[in-house]
N, C-alpha and C. Protein backbone atom coordinates (compact mmCIF):
# COMPACT_ATOMS: atom_id res chain seq x y z
N MET A 1 -68.08 110.19 164.90
CA MET A 1 -66.65 109.95 165.20
C MET A 1 -66.28 109.61 166.49
N ASN A 2 -67.12 109.72 167.56
CA ASN A 2 -66.89 109.39 168.84
C ASN A 2 -66.92 107.78 169.02
N ASP A 3 -67.45 107.11 168.13
CA ASP A 3 -67.41 105.89 168.04
C ASP A 3 -66.29 105.05 167.48
N ALA A 4 -65.41 105.87 166.95
CA ALA A 4 -64.38 105.30 166.20
C ALA A 4 -63.31 104.51 167.16
N PRO A 5 -62.90 103.40 166.87
CA PRO A 5 -62.01 102.53 167.81
C PRO A 5 -60.80 103.27 167.88
N PHE A 6 -60.14 102.90 169.09
CA PHE A 6 -58.85 103.42 169.51
C PHE A 6 -57.93 102.22 169.93
N SER A 7 -56.70 102.18 169.50
CA SER A 7 -55.89 101.03 169.72
C SER A 7 -54.37 101.74 169.96
N PHE A 8 -53.59 101.06 170.53
CA PHE A 8 -52.14 101.44 170.74
C PHE A 8 -51.29 99.87 170.71
N THR A 9 -50.10 100.30 170.19
CA THR A 9 -49.05 99.31 170.38
C THR A 9 -47.83 99.96 170.72
N SER A 10 -46.79 99.19 171.25
CA SER A 10 -45.52 99.89 171.50
C SER A 10 -44.42 98.88 171.05
N HIS A 11 -43.35 99.30 170.69
CA HIS A 11 -42.11 98.51 170.29
C HIS A 11 -40.84 99.33 170.61
N GLU A 12 -39.87 98.46 171.03
CA GLU A 12 -38.70 99.20 171.14
C GLU A 12 -38.01 99.37 169.70
N VAL A 13 -37.21 100.37 169.59
CA VAL A 13 -36.47 100.61 168.39
C VAL A 13 -34.94 100.30 168.53
N ALA A 14 -34.23 100.36 167.50
CA ALA A 14 -32.77 100.14 167.59
C ALA A 14 -32.05 100.68 168.45
N ARG A 15 -32.38 101.90 168.82
CA ARG A 15 -31.68 102.81 169.45
C ARG A 15 -31.96 102.46 171.14
N ASP A 16 -31.03 102.14 171.90
CA ASP A 16 -31.20 101.57 173.27
C ASP A 16 -32.22 102.57 174.19
N GLY A 17 -33.12 101.90 174.78
CA GLY A 17 -33.67 102.66 175.71
C GLY A 17 -34.86 103.59 175.06
N VAL A 18 -35.14 103.49 173.84
CA VAL A 18 -36.26 104.29 173.19
C VAL A 18 -37.38 103.17 172.61
N THR A 19 -38.60 103.61 173.14
CA THR A 19 -39.75 102.88 172.61
C THR A 19 -40.69 103.73 171.91
N VAL A 20 -41.38 103.19 170.87
CA VAL A 20 -42.18 104.01 170.16
C VAL A 20 -43.77 103.47 170.44
N MET A 21 -44.54 104.24 170.83
CA MET A 21 -46.05 103.87 171.03
C MET A 21 -46.83 104.53 170.10
N LYS A 22 -47.28 103.57 169.11
CA LYS A 22 -48.28 103.93 168.09
C LYS A 22 -49.63 104.10 168.44
N LEU A 23 -50.27 105.03 168.34
CA LEU A 23 -51.56 105.44 168.81
C LEU A 23 -52.54 105.38 167.44
N VAL A 24 -53.55 104.76 167.52
CA VAL A 24 -54.49 104.69 166.37
C VAL A 24 -55.99 104.92 166.72
N GLY A 25 -56.46 105.97 166.02
CA GLY A 25 -57.90 106.47 166.42
C GLY A 25 -57.82 107.63 167.36
N PRO A 26 -59.01 108.10 167.54
CA PRO A 26 -59.23 109.37 168.42
C PRO A 26 -58.84 109.12 169.71
N LEU A 27 -58.18 110.04 170.26
CA LEU A 27 -57.74 109.91 171.80
C LEU A 27 -58.68 110.78 172.60
N THR A 28 -59.71 110.10 173.23
CA THR A 28 -60.83 110.81 173.89
C THR A 28 -60.95 110.22 175.26
N ILE A 29 -61.87 110.93 176.00
CA ILE A 29 -62.32 110.46 177.36
C ILE A 29 -62.97 109.02 177.28
N GLY A 30 -63.52 108.80 176.27
CA GLY A 30 -64.09 107.48 176.17
C GLY A 30 -63.25 106.24 175.96
N ASN A 31 -61.94 106.38 175.65
CA ASN A 31 -61.09 105.27 175.40
C ASN A 31 -59.71 105.58 176.08
N ILE A 32 -59.40 106.45 177.09
CA ILE A 32 -58.17 106.66 177.51
C ILE A 32 -57.61 105.73 178.53
N PHE A 33 -58.65 104.92 179.19
CA PHE A 33 -58.29 104.17 180.36
C PHE A 33 -57.32 103.09 180.19
N GLU A 34 -57.53 102.27 179.23
CA GLU A 34 -56.37 101.25 179.00
C GLU A 34 -55.10 101.78 178.72
N LEU A 35 -54.93 102.94 177.91
CA LEU A 35 -53.87 103.53 177.68
C LEU A 35 -53.12 104.13 179.08
N GLN A 36 -53.95 104.56 179.77
CA GLN A 36 -53.52 105.20 180.99
C GLN A 36 -52.82 103.87 181.90
N LYS A 37 -53.64 102.86 181.84
CA LYS A 37 -52.99 101.74 182.58
C LYS A 37 -51.81 101.27 181.88
N GLU A 38 -51.57 101.12 180.71
CA GLU A 38 -50.37 100.79 180.02
C GLU A 38 -49.40 101.77 180.35
N LEU A 39 -49.46 102.95 180.49
CA LEU A 39 -48.53 104.06 180.59
C LEU A 39 -47.88 103.97 182.13
N ARG A 40 -48.67 103.47 183.00
CA ARG A 40 -48.23 103.29 184.46
C ARG A 40 -47.13 101.98 184.39
N VAL A 41 -47.23 101.18 183.33
CA VAL A 41 -46.31 99.96 183.38
C VAL A 41 -45.24 100.33 182.45
N VAL A 42 -45.39 100.94 181.19
CA VAL A 42 -44.26 101.15 180.40
C VAL A 42 -43.62 102.34 180.70
N GLN A 43 -42.26 102.20 181.04
CA GLN A 43 -41.40 103.38 181.48
C GLN A 43 -40.22 103.22 180.83
N PRO A 44 -40.07 103.21 179.57
CA PRO A 44 -38.63 103.04 179.04
C PRO A 44 -37.96 104.47 179.30
N GLU A 45 -36.65 104.36 178.91
CA GLU A 45 -35.77 105.67 179.06
C GLU A 45 -36.30 106.91 178.21
N ALA A 46 -36.90 106.54 177.10
CA ALA A 46 -37.41 107.36 176.27
C ALA A 46 -38.70 106.82 175.41
N LEU A 47 -39.85 107.57 175.52
CA LEU A 47 -41.04 107.17 174.85
C LEU A 47 -41.29 108.13 173.85
N VAL A 48 -41.70 107.75 172.60
CA VAL A 48 -42.17 108.59 171.45
C VAL A 48 -43.58 108.21 171.11
N PHE A 49 -44.57 109.16 171.32
CA PHE A 49 -45.94 108.84 170.91
C PHE A 49 -46.02 109.14 169.31
N ASP A 50 -46.35 108.06 168.68
CA ASP A 50 -46.42 108.19 167.14
C ASP A 50 -48.06 108.59 166.99
N LEU A 51 -48.26 109.81 166.51
CA LEU A 51 -49.70 110.32 166.57
C LEU A 51 -50.08 110.35 165.11
N VAL A 52 -49.33 109.85 164.28
CA VAL A 52 -49.75 109.83 162.76
C VAL A 52 -51.13 109.41 162.50
N ASP A 53 -51.63 108.35 163.16
CA ASP A 53 -52.88 107.85 162.90
C ASP A 53 -53.97 108.40 163.98
N VAL A 54 -53.82 109.44 164.72
CA VAL A 54 -54.68 110.08 165.59
C VAL A 54 -55.34 111.30 164.83
N PRO A 55 -56.69 111.01 164.42
CA PRO A 55 -57.33 112.11 163.67
C PRO A 55 -57.73 113.19 164.62
N TYR A 56 -58.07 113.08 165.94
CA TYR A 56 -58.24 114.15 166.80
C TYR A 56 -58.03 113.61 168.33
N MET A 57 -58.07 114.44 169.19
CA MET A 57 -58.01 114.20 170.59
C MET A 57 -58.85 115.30 171.47
N ASP A 58 -59.31 114.95 172.60
CA ASP A 58 -59.99 115.99 173.31
C ASP A 58 -59.01 116.28 174.69
N SER A 59 -59.56 117.17 175.57
CA SER A 59 -58.81 117.52 176.69
C SER A 59 -58.46 116.32 177.50
N ALA A 60 -59.10 115.27 177.54
CA ALA A 60 -58.63 114.10 178.30
C ALA A 60 -57.53 113.62 177.57
N GLY A 61 -57.41 113.44 176.27
CA GLY A 61 -56.34 112.81 175.55
C GLY A 61 -54.99 113.65 175.93
N ILE A 62 -55.32 114.97 175.93
CA ILE A 62 -54.17 115.97 176.13
C ILE A 62 -53.62 115.62 177.60
N GLY A 63 -54.57 115.41 178.46
CA GLY A 63 -54.12 115.08 179.93
C GLY A 63 -53.45 113.82 180.08
N VAL A 64 -53.71 112.81 179.34
CA VAL A 64 -52.93 111.62 179.39
C VAL A 64 -51.40 111.91 178.88
N LEU A 65 -51.23 112.64 177.91
CA LEU A 65 -49.82 113.22 177.43
C LEU A 65 -49.14 113.87 178.54
N ILE A 66 -49.92 114.93 178.98
CA ILE A 66 -49.16 115.74 180.11
C ILE A 66 -48.86 114.97 181.35
N ASN A 67 -49.84 114.06 181.80
CA ASN A 67 -49.52 113.24 182.84
C ASN A 67 -48.34 112.40 182.68
N TYR A 68 -48.21 111.63 181.49
CA TYR A 68 -47.06 111.01 181.33
C TYR A 68 -45.69 111.75 181.36
N PHE A 69 -45.93 112.94 180.67
CA PHE A 69 -44.66 113.92 180.60
C PHE A 69 -44.33 114.18 182.12
N VAL A 70 -45.03 114.65 183.02
CA VAL A 70 -44.82 115.02 184.37
C VAL A 70 -44.20 113.82 184.89
N SER A 71 -44.70 112.67 184.82
CA SER A 71 -44.18 111.42 185.42
C SER A 71 -42.82 111.16 184.96
N ALA A 72 -42.50 111.36 183.63
CA ALA A 72 -41.26 111.09 182.85
C ALA A 72 -40.30 112.01 183.46
N GLU A 73 -40.48 113.30 183.70
CA GLU A 73 -39.65 114.25 184.07
C GLU A 73 -39.17 114.10 185.46
N LYS A 74 -40.20 113.80 186.44
CA LYS A 74 -39.91 113.40 187.75
C LYS A 74 -38.88 112.19 187.93
N ASN A 75 -38.99 111.20 186.83
CA ASN A 75 -38.15 110.08 186.94
C ASN A 75 -37.04 109.98 185.86
N ALA A 76 -36.64 111.17 185.43
CA ALA A 76 -35.35 111.26 184.55
C ALA A 76 -35.68 110.57 183.25
N ARG A 77 -36.78 110.50 182.87
CA ARG A 77 -37.22 109.80 181.58
C ARG A 77 -37.40 110.84 180.56
N ARG A 78 -37.57 110.51 179.20
CA ARG A 78 -37.71 111.58 178.18
C ARG A 78 -39.12 111.15 177.44
N MET A 79 -39.79 112.15 176.72
CA MET A 79 -40.82 111.64 175.74
C MET A 79 -40.94 112.74 174.75
N ALA A 80 -41.79 112.42 173.65
CA ALA A 80 -41.75 113.25 172.62
C ALA A 80 -43.04 112.71 171.78
N LEU A 81 -43.54 113.71 171.02
CA LEU A 81 -44.60 113.42 169.99
C LEU A 81 -44.27 113.30 168.73
N ALA A 82 -44.71 112.62 167.88
CA ALA A 82 -44.47 112.63 166.36
C ALA A 82 -45.72 112.57 165.42
N GLY A 83 -45.53 113.28 164.58
CA GLY A 83 -46.54 113.11 163.39
C GLY A 83 -47.79 113.62 163.66
N ALA A 84 -48.16 114.37 164.50
CA ALA A 84 -49.41 115.18 164.73
C ALA A 84 -49.92 115.78 163.43
N ASN A 85 -51.30 115.43 163.33
CA ASN A 85 -51.84 116.19 162.08
C ASN A 85 -52.36 117.63 162.31
N GLU A 86 -52.71 118.28 161.34
CA GLU A 86 -52.90 119.76 161.55
C GLU A 86 -54.10 119.98 162.68
N ARG A 87 -54.97 119.17 162.61
CA ARG A 87 -56.13 119.25 163.73
C ARG A 87 -55.57 119.14 165.16
N VAL A 88 -54.80 118.05 165.36
CA VAL A 88 -54.12 117.76 166.77
C VAL A 88 -53.15 118.80 167.05
N ASP A 89 -52.29 119.19 166.06
CA ASP A 89 -51.30 120.03 166.20
C ASP A 89 -51.93 121.47 166.72
N ALA A 90 -52.87 122.00 166.05
CA ALA A 90 -53.66 123.15 166.48
C ALA A 90 -54.18 123.15 167.87
N LEU A 91 -54.61 121.99 168.27
CA LEU A 91 -55.02 121.84 169.62
C LEU A 91 -53.89 121.97 170.48
N LEU A 92 -52.86 121.38 170.24
CA LEU A 92 -51.74 121.43 170.99
C LEU A 92 -51.15 122.74 171.12
N VAL A 93 -51.31 123.67 170.16
CA VAL A 93 -50.77 124.94 170.20
C VAL A 93 -51.89 125.81 171.01
N LEU A 94 -53.16 125.54 170.54
CA LEU A 94 -54.28 126.45 171.47
C LEU A 94 -54.04 126.15 172.91
N THR A 95 -53.85 125.02 173.31
CA THR A 95 -53.75 124.59 174.69
C THR A 95 -52.29 124.95 175.41
N LYS A 96 -51.39 125.32 174.57
CA LYS A 96 -50.07 125.72 174.95
C LYS A 96 -49.23 124.52 175.44
N VAL A 97 -49.76 123.31 175.01
CA VAL A 97 -49.06 122.01 175.46
C VAL A 97 -47.85 122.01 174.49
N LYS A 98 -48.00 122.31 173.23
CA LYS A 98 -46.88 122.17 172.10
C LYS A 98 -45.65 122.91 172.72
N GLY A 99 -45.64 124.00 173.26
CA GLY A 99 -44.60 124.65 173.82
C GLY A 99 -43.83 123.76 174.95
N LEU A 100 -44.62 122.99 175.58
CA LEU A 100 -44.21 122.04 176.78
C LEU A 100 -43.62 120.68 176.35
N LEU A 101 -44.14 120.07 175.31
CA LEU A 101 -43.84 118.80 174.97
C LEU A 101 -42.99 118.88 173.73
N ARG A 102 -41.94 118.04 173.54
CA ARG A 102 -41.20 118.07 172.22
C ARG A 102 -42.02 117.33 171.25
N SER A 103 -42.04 118.10 170.13
CA SER A 103 -42.78 117.61 169.01
C SER A 103 -42.08 117.51 167.67
N PHE A 104 -42.12 116.37 166.95
CA PHE A 104 -41.59 116.26 165.71
C PHE A 104 -42.48 115.87 164.55
N GLU A 105 -41.97 116.29 163.31
CA GLU A 105 -42.77 115.90 162.20
C GLU A 105 -43.04 114.38 162.13
N THR A 106 -41.79 113.67 162.18
CA THR A 106 -41.75 112.08 161.94
C THR A 106 -41.21 111.29 163.13
N VAL A 107 -41.63 110.03 163.13
CA VAL A 107 -41.23 109.17 164.33
C VAL A 107 -39.67 109.22 164.26
N ASP A 108 -39.12 108.96 162.99
CA ASP A 108 -37.68 108.94 163.00
C ASP A 108 -36.96 110.02 163.58
N GLU A 109 -37.48 111.36 163.18
CA GLU A 109 -36.82 112.67 163.71
C GLU A 109 -36.90 112.50 165.36
N ALA A 110 -38.10 112.08 165.90
CA ALA A 110 -38.26 112.02 167.30
C ALA A 110 -37.38 110.89 167.81
N VAL A 111 -37.15 109.79 167.27
CA VAL A 111 -36.33 108.77 167.75
C VAL A 111 -34.75 109.30 167.84
N ASP A 112 -34.53 110.06 166.87
CA ASP A 112 -33.06 110.61 166.67
C ASP A 112 -32.75 111.65 167.75
N GLU A 113 -33.76 112.38 168.28
CA GLU A 113 -33.55 113.55 168.98
C GLU A 113 -33.91 113.22 170.40
N VAL A 114 -34.78 112.31 170.66
CA VAL A 114 -35.11 112.07 172.02
C VAL A 114 -34.04 111.32 172.84
């Protein structure tokens, strides 16, 4: 499973200032670098990470999300997670990240609330 490809795309939604970034594949140390580079450039008013197609992540993947959260907070931007599966959700709970990051069942809910 470590060889599974990872990709991401982002698009603005109808609500002003909100961008959805769709992540596809496992978010791990082996594939986070392009995403990190993109997140230094993408700085919308609000960013929703669509995790529906992320089967799992490791601590490096969580680190990417936390780093973006810290940067967003410092710069008066918002972020949210949406659609995490049971495995990813359990990891977020175990690492106590879920209590820190806003998390929603669906992308639509996250867009409405962020």
